[in-house]
Amino acid sequence: MAKYDIAMRAVVITMKALGIPPLTISAMTGIPTRTINTIWDRAIERGFNPRQQPLIVTDAYVADAPRSGRPKKQTPELVATVLAKVRRDRYGREKTYADIASELSNISAMTVWRVLRSSGLKKTKPTRKPSLTARMRTERLAWCLEHRHWTLEDWKNVIWTDETSVVLLHRRGSYRV
């Protein structure tokens, strides 16, 4: 019965309270007559009075019943706490799921992963960019000043290469955060 939304169930209760037969309601809504009767019976159990004027159908009469199963650990407060830890600063973004879980009480790394995933955050490779020293800056400025008067023909004689470096015993891009 859960596949029919609250508005459709309210329509069914209203139509049945107005005296429309279940077969007609079924033909108009596409809901089986047995389901129409179940919706009606549950509304009456929850306090709906079909003889009351004016006719009032509240959300309580047509709300979804609680489902069985283990309750979720992902409360809105927990989601806000996890996202705040990650978004706080650079160090929060570099933490692993297990690190964030250990800082919070009674939560697993998998739950942290689910919270971040449902919020649209994914793991990425950390980027490492060394900053320029004062010597590097002066050398770059000197190079630029030396070449500032070059023409387009001069630059066409230069062979450009990418800035790939090779470091022995180091795996590039293997760390995921």
N, C-alpha and C. Protein backbone atom coordinates (compact mmCIF):
# COMPACT_ATOMS: atom_id res chain seq x y z
N MET A 1 0.81 -1.20 0.00
CA MET A 1 0.00 0.00 0.00
C MET A 1 0.85 1.26 0.00
N ALA A 2 2.11 1.16 0.31
CA ALA A 2 2.97 2.34 0.42
C ALA A 2 3.23 3.00 -0.93
N LYS A 3 2.91 2.33 -2.03
CA LYS A 3 3.22 2.94 -3.32
C LYS A 3 2.26 4.07 -3.69
N TYR A 4 1.20 4.24 -2.93
CA TYR A 4 0.28 5.36 -3.16
C TYR A 4 0.63 6.48 -2.19
N ASP A 5 0.82 7.68 -2.72
CA ASP A 5 1.25 8.78 -1.85
C ASP A 5 0.10 9.29 -0.99
N ILE A 6 0.44 10.19 -0.09
CA ILE A 6 -0.52 10.69 0.89
C ILE A 6 -1.69 11.41 0.20
N ALA A 7 -1.41 12.16 -0.83
CA ALA A 7 -2.47 12.89 -1.53
C ALA A 7 -3.48 11.94 -2.16
N MET A 8 -2.99 10.85 -2.76
CA MET A 8 -3.90 9.89 -3.39
C MET A 8 -4.76 9.20 -2.33
N ARG A 9 -4.16 8.87 -1.17
CA ARG A 9 -4.94 8.24 -0.10
C ARG A 9 -5.99 9.20 0.45
N ALA A 10 -5.66 10.50 0.52
CA ALA A 10 -6.64 11.49 0.98
C ALA A 10 -7.80 11.60 -0.01
N VAL A 11 -7.49 11.52 -1.29
CA VAL A 11 -8.55 11.55 -2.32
C VAL A 11 -9.47 10.35 -2.15
N VAL A 12 -8.88 9.17 -1.91
CA VAL A 12 -9.69 7.95 -1.74
C VAL A 12 -10.61 8.09 -0.54
N ILE A 13 -10.09 8.59 0.58
CA ILE A 13 -10.91 8.74 1.79
C ILE A 13 -12.03 9.75 1.54
N THR A 14 -11.72 10.85 0.88
CA THR A 14 -12.73 11.87 0.60
C THR A 14 -13.82 11.32 -0.31
N MET A 15 -13.44 10.61 -1.35
CA MET A 15 -14.43 10.06 -2.28
C MET A 15 -15.32 9.03 -1.59
N LYS A 16 -14.72 8.19 -0.76
CA LYS A 16 -15.51 7.16 -0.08
C LYS A 16 -16.42 7.82 0.96
N ALA A 17 -15.96 8.88 1.64
CA ALA A 17 -16.79 9.58 2.62
C ALA A 17 -17.97 10.28 1.94
N LEU A 18 -17.80 10.67 0.68
CA LEU A 18 -18.89 11.31 -0.06
C LEU A 18 -19.89 10.30 -0.61
N GLY A 19 -19.64 9.00 -0.38
CA GLY A 19 -20.59 7.97 -0.78
C GLY A 19 -20.33 7.36 -2.14
N ILE A 20 -19.19 7.62 -2.73
CA ILE A 20 -18.86 7.02 -4.03
C ILE A 20 -18.46 5.57 -3.79
N PRO A 21 -19.03 4.62 -4.53
CA PRO A 21 -18.72 3.20 -4.31
C PRO A 21 -17.25 2.88 -4.62
N PRO A 22 -16.67 1.89 -3.92
CA PRO A 22 -15.27 1.52 -4.14
C PRO A 22 -14.95 1.13 -5.59
N LEU A 23 -15.88 0.49 -6.30
CA LEU A 23 -15.62 0.13 -7.70
C LEU A 23 -15.44 1.38 -8.57
N THR A 24 -16.23 2.40 -8.32
CA THR A 24 -16.11 3.65 -9.07
C THR A 24 -14.79 4.36 -8.73
N ILE A 25 -14.45 4.36 -7.42
CA ILE A 25 -13.18 4.96 -6.99
C ILE A 25 -12.02 4.23 -7.65
N SER A 26 -12.11 2.91 -7.70
CA SER A 26 -11.06 2.10 -8.31
C SER A 26 -10.92 2.42 -9.79
N ALA A 27 -12.04 2.58 -10.48
CA ALA A 27 -12.00 2.91 -11.91
C ALA A 27 -11.41 4.30 -12.14
N MET A 28 -11.66 5.23 -11.23
CA MET A 28 -11.18 6.60 -11.39
C MET A 28 -9.70 6.76 -11.01
N THR A 29 -9.26 5.99 -10.00
CA THR A 29 -7.89 6.18 -9.49
C THR A 29 -6.92 5.09 -9.91
N GLY A 30 -7.43 3.93 -10.30
CA GLY A 30 -6.56 2.82 -10.64
C GLY A 30 -6.08 2.04 -9.43
N ILE A 31 -6.64 2.32 -8.27
CA ILE A 31 -6.28 1.61 -7.04
C ILE A 31 -7.25 0.45 -6.86
N PRO A 32 -6.76 -0.75 -6.54
CA PRO A 32 -7.67 -1.89 -6.35
C PRO A 32 -8.65 -1.63 -5.20
N THR A 33 -9.83 -2.24 -5.31
CA THR A 33 -10.87 -2.02 -4.29
C THR A 33 -10.43 -2.50 -2.92
N ARG A 34 -9.68 -3.58 -2.86
CA ARG A 34 -9.20 -4.08 -1.56
C ARG A 34 -8.28 -3.04 -0.90
N THR A 35 -7.44 -2.40 -1.68
CA THR A 35 -6.55 -1.37 -1.15
C THR A 35 -7.36 -0.14 -0.72
N ILE A 36 -8.40 0.19 -1.46
CA ILE A 36 -9.27 1.31 -1.08
C ILE A 36 -9.90 1.03 0.28
N ASN A 37 -10.39 -0.19 0.47
CA ASN A 37 -10.99 -0.55 1.76
C ASN A 37 -9.95 -0.54 2.89
N THR A 38 -8.72 -0.96 2.59
CA THR A 38 -7.66 -0.94 3.61
C THR A 38 -7.33 0.50 4.00
N ILE A 39 -7.23 1.39 3.03
CA ILE A 39 -6.96 2.81 3.31
C ILE A 39 -8.08 3.38 4.18
N TRP A 40 -9.31 3.05 3.85
CA TRP A 40 -10.48 3.53 4.60
C TRP A 40 -10.45 3.01 6.04
N ASP A 41 -10.21 1.70 6.19
CA ASP A 41 -10.19 1.10 7.54
C ASP A 41 -9.08 1.71 8.40
N ARG A 42 -7.92 1.93 7.83
CA ARG A 42 -6.81 2.51 8.61
C ARG A 42 -7.13 3.95 9.01
N ALA A 43 -7.77 4.70 8.14
CA ALA A 43 -8.13 6.08 8.48
C ALA A 43 -9.13 6.10 9.64
N ILE A 44 -10.08 5.19 9.64
CA ILE A 44 -11.06 5.13 10.73
C ILE A 44 -10.37 4.70 12.03
N GLU A 45 -9.44 3.74 11.94
CA GLU A 45 -8.68 3.33 13.13
C GLU A 45 -7.90 4.49 13.72
N ARG A 46 -7.44 5.38 12.88
CA ARG A 46 -6.62 6.51 13.32
C ARG A 46 -7.45 7.73 13.73
N GLY A 47 -8.78 7.59 13.75
CA GLY A 47 -9.63 8.65 14.28
C GLY A 47 -10.43 9.42 13.25
N PHE A 48 -10.45 9.01 12.01
CA PHE A 48 -11.23 9.71 10.99
C PHE A 48 -12.71 9.48 11.24
N ASN A 49 -13.51 10.56 11.19
CA ASN A 49 -14.95 10.48 11.39
C ASN A 49 -15.64 10.89 10.09
N PRO A 50 -16.20 9.91 9.34
CA PRO A 50 -16.82 10.24 8.05
C PRO A 50 -18.11 11.05 8.17
N ARG A 51 -18.72 11.09 9.36
CA ARG A 51 -19.98 11.82 9.53
C ARG A 51 -19.75 13.27 9.95
N GLN A 52 -18.52 13.63 10.23
CA GLN A 52 -18.21 14.98 10.68
C GLN A 52 -18.37 15.97 9.53
N GLN A 53 -19.00 17.10 9.82
CA GLN A 53 -19.17 18.15 8.83
C GLN A 53 -18.52 19.42 9.36
N PRO A 54 -17.70 20.12 8.66
CA PRO A 54 -17.18 19.79 7.34
C PRO A 54 -16.21 18.62 7.41
N LEU A 55 -16.06 17.96 6.30
CA LEU A 55 -15.21 16.77 6.20
C LEU A 55 -13.74 17.20 6.31
N ILE A 56 -13.04 16.64 7.29
CA ILE A 56 -11.63 16.99 7.51
C ILE A 56 -10.78 15.74 7.40
N VAL A 57 -9.83 15.74 6.46
CA VAL A 57 -8.88 14.64 6.29
C VAL A 57 -7.49 15.20 6.61
N THR A 58 -6.93 14.79 7.74
CA THR A 58 -5.61 15.29 8.14
C THR A 58 -4.53 14.29 7.72
N ASP A 59 -3.27 14.73 7.81
CA ASP A 59 -2.14 13.87 7.47
C ASP A 59 -2.07 12.64 8.37
N ALA A 60 -2.53 12.77 9.60
CA ALA A 60 -2.45 11.65 10.54
C ALA A 60 -3.29 10.47 10.06
N TYR A 61 -4.37 10.73 9.34
CA TYR A 61 -5.23 9.65 8.86
C TYR A 61 -4.63 8.89 7.69
N VAL A 62 -3.76 9.53 6.93
CA VAL A 62 -3.23 8.91 5.71
C VAL A 62 -1.71 8.74 5.72
N ALA A 63 -1.07 9.02 6.85
CA ALA A 63 0.40 8.94 6.92
C ALA A 63 0.89 7.51 6.77
N ASP A 64 2.13 7.38 6.30
CA ASP A 64 2.75 6.06 6.19
C ASP A 64 2.97 5.49 7.58
N ALA A 65 2.75 4.20 7.72
CA ALA A 65 3.02 3.53 8.99
C ALA A 65 4.52 3.34 9.14
N PRO A 66 5.02 3.29 10.38
CA PRO A 66 6.45 3.05 10.55
C PRO A 66 6.84 1.69 10.00
N ARG A 67 7.99 1.63 9.38
CA ARG A 67 8.47 0.39 8.78
C ARG A 67 9.31 -0.39 9.78
N SER A 68 9.37 -1.68 9.57
CA SER A 68 10.21 -2.52 10.41
C SER A 68 11.66 -2.38 9.96
N GLY A 69 12.56 -2.90 10.75
CA GLY A 69 13.97 -2.86 10.40
C GLY A 69 14.77 -2.02 11.38
N ARG A 70 16.06 -2.10 11.22
CA ARG A 70 16.96 -1.39 12.12
C ARG A 70 16.87 0.11 11.85
N PRO A 71 16.77 0.91 12.91
CA PRO A 71 16.72 2.36 12.68
C PRO A 71 18.06 2.88 12.15
N LYS A 72 18.01 3.93 11.37
CA LYS A 72 19.23 4.50 10.79
C LYS A 72 20.03 5.22 11.86
N LYS A 73 21.36 5.15 11.71
CA LYS A 73 22.24 5.89 12.59
C LYS A 73 22.47 7.30 12.07
N GLN A 74 22.12 7.53 10.83
CA GLN A 74 22.39 8.82 10.19
C GLN A 74 21.31 9.83 10.56
N THR A 75 21.42 10.39 11.74
CA THR A 75 20.51 11.46 12.13
C THR A 75 20.97 12.76 11.46
N PRO A 76 20.09 13.72 11.33
CA PRO A 76 20.52 15.00 10.74
C PRO A 76 21.67 15.66 11.52
N GLU A 77 21.69 15.47 12.84
CA GLU A 77 22.78 16.04 13.64
C GLU A 77 24.10 15.37 13.29
N LEU A 78 24.08 14.03 13.12
CA LEU A 78 25.30 13.30 12.79
C LEU A 78 25.82 13.72 11.42
N VAL A 79 24.93 13.85 10.46
CA VAL A 79 25.32 14.27 9.11
C VAL A 79 25.96 15.65 9.16
N ALA A 80 25.34 16.56 9.92
CA ALA A 80 25.89 17.92 10.04
C ALA A 80 27.26 17.90 10.71
N THR A 81 27.45 17.05 11.72
CA THR A 81 28.73 16.97 12.42
C THR A 81 29.82 16.45 11.50
N VAL A 82 29.52 15.38 10.76
CA VAL A 82 30.52 14.80 9.85
C VAL A 82 30.90 15.80 8.77
N LEU A 83 29.91 16.46 8.18
CA LEU A 83 30.20 17.43 7.13
C LEU A 83 30.98 18.63 7.67
N ALA A 84 30.68 19.03 8.91
CA ALA A 84 31.43 20.14 9.50
C ALA A 84 32.89 19.76 9.72
N LYS A 85 33.14 18.52 10.14
CA LYS A 85 34.52 18.07 10.35
C LYS A 85 35.29 18.06 9.04
N VAL A 86 34.64 17.67 7.96
CA VAL A 86 35.32 17.59 6.67
C VAL A 86 35.51 18.98 6.06
N ARG A 87 34.52 19.82 6.17
CA ARG A 87 34.57 21.13 5.51
C ARG A 87 35.26 22.21 6.34
N ARG A 88 35.62 21.89 7.57
CA ARG A 88 36.18 22.89 8.48
C ARG A 88 37.44 23.54 7.91
N ASP A 89 38.40 22.72 7.51
CA ASP A 89 39.66 23.26 6.99
C ASP A 89 40.34 22.20 6.13
N ARG A 90 41.53 22.50 5.70
CA ARG A 90 42.28 21.58 4.83
C ARG A 90 42.55 20.26 5.52
N TYR A 91 42.85 20.30 6.80
CA TYR A 91 43.19 19.08 7.52
C TYR A 91 41.98 18.16 7.67
N GLY A 92 40.80 18.73 7.78
CA GLY A 92 39.59 17.92 7.85
C GLY A 92 39.34 17.18 6.55
N ARG A 93 39.68 17.81 5.43
CA ARG A 93 39.48 17.16 4.13
C ARG A 93 40.50 16.07 3.87
N GLU A 94 41.65 16.13 4.55
CA GLU A 94 42.70 15.14 4.33
C GLU A 94 42.54 13.90 5.20
N LYS A 95 41.58 13.90 6.10
CA LYS A 95 41.40 12.77 7.01
C LYS A 95 40.74 11.59 6.29
N THR A 96 41.03 10.40 6.77
CA THR A 96 40.39 9.21 6.23
C THR A 96 39.06 9.01 6.93
N TYR A 97 38.25 8.10 6.39
CA TYR A 97 36.96 7.79 7.01
C TYR A 97 37.16 7.29 8.44
N ALA A 98 38.17 6.45 8.63
CA ALA A 98 38.44 5.88 9.95
C ALA A 98 38.85 6.97 10.94
N ASP A 99 39.64 7.95 10.49
CA ASP A 99 40.04 9.05 11.37
C ASP A 99 38.83 9.85 11.84
N ILE A 100 37.94 10.16 10.91
CA ILE A 100 36.74 10.92 11.27
C ILE A 100 35.87 10.10 12.21
N ALA A 101 35.74 8.79 11.94
CA ALA A 101 34.92 7.93 12.79
C ALA A 101 35.49 7.83 14.20
N SER A 102 36.81 7.81 14.32
CA SER A 102 37.42 7.70 15.65
C SER A 102 37.22 8.97 16.47
N GLU A 103 37.07 10.11 15.80
CA GLU A 103 36.83 11.36 16.52
C GLU A 103 35.40 11.47 17.02
N LEU A 104 34.48 10.76 16.38
CA LEU A 104 33.08 10.78 16.81
C LEU A 104 32.80 9.54 17.65
N SER A 105 31.75 9.57 18.41
CA SER A 105 31.46 8.44 19.28
C SER A 105 30.47 7.49 18.62
N ASN A 106 30.77 6.20 18.71
CA ASN A 106 29.84 5.14 18.31
C ASN A 106 29.40 5.24 16.84
N ILE A 107 30.36 5.41 15.95
CA ILE A 107 30.07 5.47 14.52
C ILE A 107 31.20 4.77 13.78
N SER A 108 30.85 4.06 12.72
CA SER A 108 31.86 3.32 11.97
C SER A 108 32.37 4.15 10.79
N ALA A 109 33.49 3.71 10.25
CA ALA A 109 34.05 4.38 9.07
C ALA A 109 33.11 4.24 7.88
N MET A 110 32.41 3.12 7.81
CA MET A 110 31.47 2.89 6.70
C MET A 110 30.30 3.88 6.77
N THR A 111 29.84 4.19 7.98
CA THR A 111 28.77 5.18 8.12
C THR A 111 29.26 6.56 7.68
N VAL A 112 30.49 6.90 8.04
CA VAL A 112 31.08 8.17 7.60
C VAL A 112 31.13 8.20 6.08
N TRP A 113 31.54 7.08 5.47
CA TRP A 113 31.60 6.99 4.01
C TRP A 113 30.22 7.22 3.40
N ARG A 114 29.18 6.59 3.99
CA ARG A 114 27.82 6.74 3.46
C ARG A 114 27.34 8.18 3.57
N VAL A 115 27.63 8.82 4.70
CA VAL A 115 27.22 10.22 4.89
C VAL A 115 27.88 11.11 3.84
N LEU A 116 29.19 10.94 3.65
CA LEU A 116 29.90 11.78 2.69
C LEU A 116 29.45 11.49 1.26
N ARG A 117 29.22 10.23 0.97
CA ARG A 117 28.79 9.84 -0.38
C ARG A 117 27.40 10.42 -0.70
N SER A 118 26.48 10.33 0.28
CA SER A 118 25.13 10.85 0.05
C SER A 118 25.13 12.38 -0.05
N SER A 119 26.16 13.02 0.49
CA SER A 119 26.28 14.48 0.40
C SER A 119 27.03 14.92 -0.85
N GLY A 120 27.45 13.97 -1.68
CA GLY A 120 28.11 14.30 -2.94
C GLY A 120 29.62 14.44 -2.84
N LEU A 121 30.21 14.06 -1.71
CA LEU A 121 31.66 14.14 -1.57
C LEU A 121 32.29 12.80 -1.90
N LYS A 122 33.38 12.82 -2.65
CA LYS A 122 34.05 11.59 -3.06
C LYS A 122 35.53 11.69 -2.74
N LYS A 123 36.19 10.55 -2.71
CA LYS A 123 37.62 10.57 -2.43
C LYS A 123 38.38 11.06 -3.66
N THR A 124 39.42 11.80 -3.40
CA THR A 124 40.26 12.31 -4.47
C THR A 124 41.72 12.20 -4.07
N LYS A 125 42.58 12.29 -5.05
CA LYS A 125 44.01 12.26 -4.76
C LYS A 125 44.42 13.60 -4.18
N PRO A 126 45.22 13.59 -3.13
CA PRO A 126 45.70 14.87 -2.61
C PRO A 126 46.73 15.48 -3.56
N THR A 127 46.63 16.75 -3.78
CA THR A 127 47.59 17.41 -4.66
C THR A 127 48.68 18.04 -3.81
N ARG A 128 49.88 17.86 -4.24
CA ARG A 128 51.03 18.43 -3.54
C ARG A 128 51.71 19.41 -4.51
N LYS A 129 51.73 20.65 -4.17
CA LYS A 129 52.37 21.65 -5.01
C LYS A 129 53.38 22.40 -4.15
N PRO A 130 54.66 22.21 -4.42
CA PRO A 130 55.65 22.92 -3.61
C PRO A 130 55.59 24.41 -3.89
N SER A 131 55.74 25.19 -2.85
CA SER A 131 55.69 26.64 -3.04
C SER A 131 57.05 27.15 -3.53
N LEU A 132 57.03 28.32 -4.13
CA LEU A 132 58.25 28.92 -4.68
C LEU A 132 59.06 29.58 -3.57
N THR A 133 60.37 29.36 -3.62
CA THR A 133 61.26 30.04 -2.68
C THR A 133 61.60 31.42 -3.23
N ALA A 134 62.23 32.23 -2.41
CA ALA A 134 62.62 33.58 -2.86
C ALA A 134 63.63 33.49 -4.00
N ARG A 135 64.53 32.53 -3.93
CA ARG A 135 65.54 32.36 -5.00
C ARG A 135 64.86 31.97 -6.32
N MET A 136 63.88 31.06 -6.23
CA MET A 136 63.17 30.66 -7.46
C MET A 136 62.45 31.84 -8.08
N ARG A 137 61.86 32.67 -7.26
CA ARG A 137 61.14 33.84 -7.77
C ARG A 137 62.08 34.80 -8.50
N THR A 138 63.22 35.06 -7.90
CA THR A 138 64.17 35.99 -8.54
C THR A 138 64.71 35.41 -9.84
N GLU A 139 64.97 34.09 -9.87
CA GLU A 139 65.45 33.46 -11.10
C GLU A 139 64.39 33.51 -12.20
N ARG A 140 63.14 33.29 -11.84
CA ARG A 140 62.06 33.35 -12.84
C ARG A 140 61.90 34.78 -13.37
N LEU A 141 61.97 35.74 -12.48
CA LEU A 141 61.85 37.13 -12.92
C LEU A 141 63.00 37.50 -13.85
N ALA A 142 64.21 37.07 -13.51
CA ALA A 142 65.37 37.37 -14.36
C ALA A 142 65.20 36.72 -15.73
N TRP A 143 64.72 35.49 -15.78
CA TRP A 143 64.51 34.80 -17.06
C TRP A 143 63.47 35.54 -17.89
N CYS A 144 62.38 35.96 -17.25
CA CYS A 144 61.34 36.68 -17.98
C CYS A 144 61.85 38.01 -18.53
N LEU A 145 62.65 38.70 -17.73
CA LEU A 145 63.18 39.99 -18.20
C LEU A 145 64.16 39.79 -19.35
N GLU A 146 64.91 38.68 -19.35
CA GLU A 146 65.83 38.39 -20.45
C GLU A 146 65.08 38.13 -21.76
N HIS A 147 63.92 37.52 -21.65
CA HIS A 147 63.20 37.09 -22.85
C HIS A 147 61.99 37.97 -23.20
N ARG A 148 61.84 39.10 -22.58
CA ARG A 148 60.64 39.90 -22.81
C ARG A 148 60.61 40.53 -24.20
N HIS A 149 61.74 40.68 -24.84
CA HIS A 149 61.77 41.31 -26.17
C HIS A 149 61.80 40.29 -27.30
N TRP A 150 61.64 39.03 -27.01
CA TRP A 150 61.65 38.02 -28.06
C TRP A 150 60.43 38.18 -28.95
N THR A 151 60.60 37.88 -30.21
CA THR A 151 59.50 37.94 -31.17
C THR A 151 58.85 36.56 -31.26
N LEU A 152 57.77 36.52 -32.01
CA LEU A 152 57.08 35.24 -32.22
C LEU A 152 57.99 34.24 -32.92
N GLU A 153 58.81 34.71 -33.84
CA GLU A 153 59.74 33.83 -34.56
C GLU A 153 60.77 33.23 -33.60
N ASP A 154 61.22 34.01 -32.62
CA ASP A 154 62.16 33.48 -31.62
C ASP A 154 61.51 32.36 -30.81
N TRP A 155 60.26 32.57 -30.40
CA TRP A 155 59.57 31.56 -29.57
C TRP A 155 59.28 30.29 -30.36
N LYS A 156 59.13 30.40 -31.68
CA LYS A 156 58.86 29.21 -32.49
C LYS A 156 60.06 28.27 -32.53
N ASN A 157 61.25 28.75 -32.23
CA ASN A 157 62.45 27.92 -32.22
C ASN A 157 62.67 27.19 -30.89
N VAL A 158 61.79 27.41 -29.94
CA VAL A 158 61.92 26.78 -28.62
C VAL A 158 61.13 25.48 -28.60
N ILE A 159 61.73 24.43 -28.06
CA ILE A 159 61.03 23.15 -27.89
C ILE A 159 60.52 23.10 -26.45
N TRP A 160 59.20 22.99 -26.32
CA TRP A 160 58.58 22.97 -24.99
C TRP A 160 58.36 21.52 -24.56
N THR A 161 58.65 21.24 -23.32
CA THR A 161 58.38 19.91 -22.74
C THR A 161 57.50 20.09 -21.52
N ASP A 162 56.84 19.01 -21.14
CA ASP A 162 56.01 19.12 -19.93
C ASP A 162 56.91 19.05 -18.70
N GLU A 163 56.34 19.30 -17.56
CA GLU A 163 57.12 19.37 -16.33
C GLU A 163 57.04 18.06 -15.56
N THR A 164 57.26 16.95 -16.23
CA THR A 164 57.21 15.65 -15.58
C THR A 164 58.51 15.40 -14.83
N SER A 165 58.38 14.89 -13.63
CA SER A 165 59.56 14.54 -12.85
C SER A 165 59.50 13.06 -12.51
N VAL A 166 60.64 12.45 -12.31
CA VAL A 166 60.73 11.04 -11.96
C VAL A 166 61.42 10.94 -10.62
N VAL A 167 60.77 10.28 -9.67
CA VAL A 167 61.35 10.09 -8.34
C VAL A 167 61.45 8.59 -8.12
N LEU A 168 62.64 8.10 -7.79
CA LEU A 168 62.84 6.68 -7.56
C LEU A 168 62.17 6.24 -6.27
N LEU A 169 61.65 5.01 -6.28
CA LEU A 169 60.99 4.39 -5.12
C LEU A 169 59.82 5.22 -4.59
N HIS A 170 59.10 5.84 -5.51
CA HIS A 170 57.94 6.63 -5.12
C HIS A 170 56.81 6.35 -6.10
N ARG A 171 55.62 6.06 -5.57
CA ARG A 171 54.46 5.80 -6.43
C ARG A 171 53.65 7.07 -6.54
N ARG A 172 53.61 7.64 -7.72
CA ARG A 172 52.85 8.87 -7.93
C ARG A 172 51.36 8.60 -7.94
N GLY A 173 50.62 9.39 -7.20
CA GLY A 173 49.17 9.31 -7.25
C GLY A 173 48.59 8.07 -6.61
N SER A 174 49.30 7.42 -5.72
CA SER A 174 48.79 6.18 -5.14
C SER A 174 47.99 6.41 -3.87
N TYR A 175 48.07 7.59 -3.30
CA TYR A 175 47.38 7.84 -2.04
C TYR A 175 46.01 8.42 -2.31
N ARG A 176 45.02 7.91 -1.61
CA ARG A 176 43.66 8.41 -1.72
C ARG A 176 43.20 8.87 -0.35
N VAL A 177 42.54 10.00 -0.33
CA VAL A 177 42.05 10.54 0.95
C VAL A 177 40.55 10.59 0.90
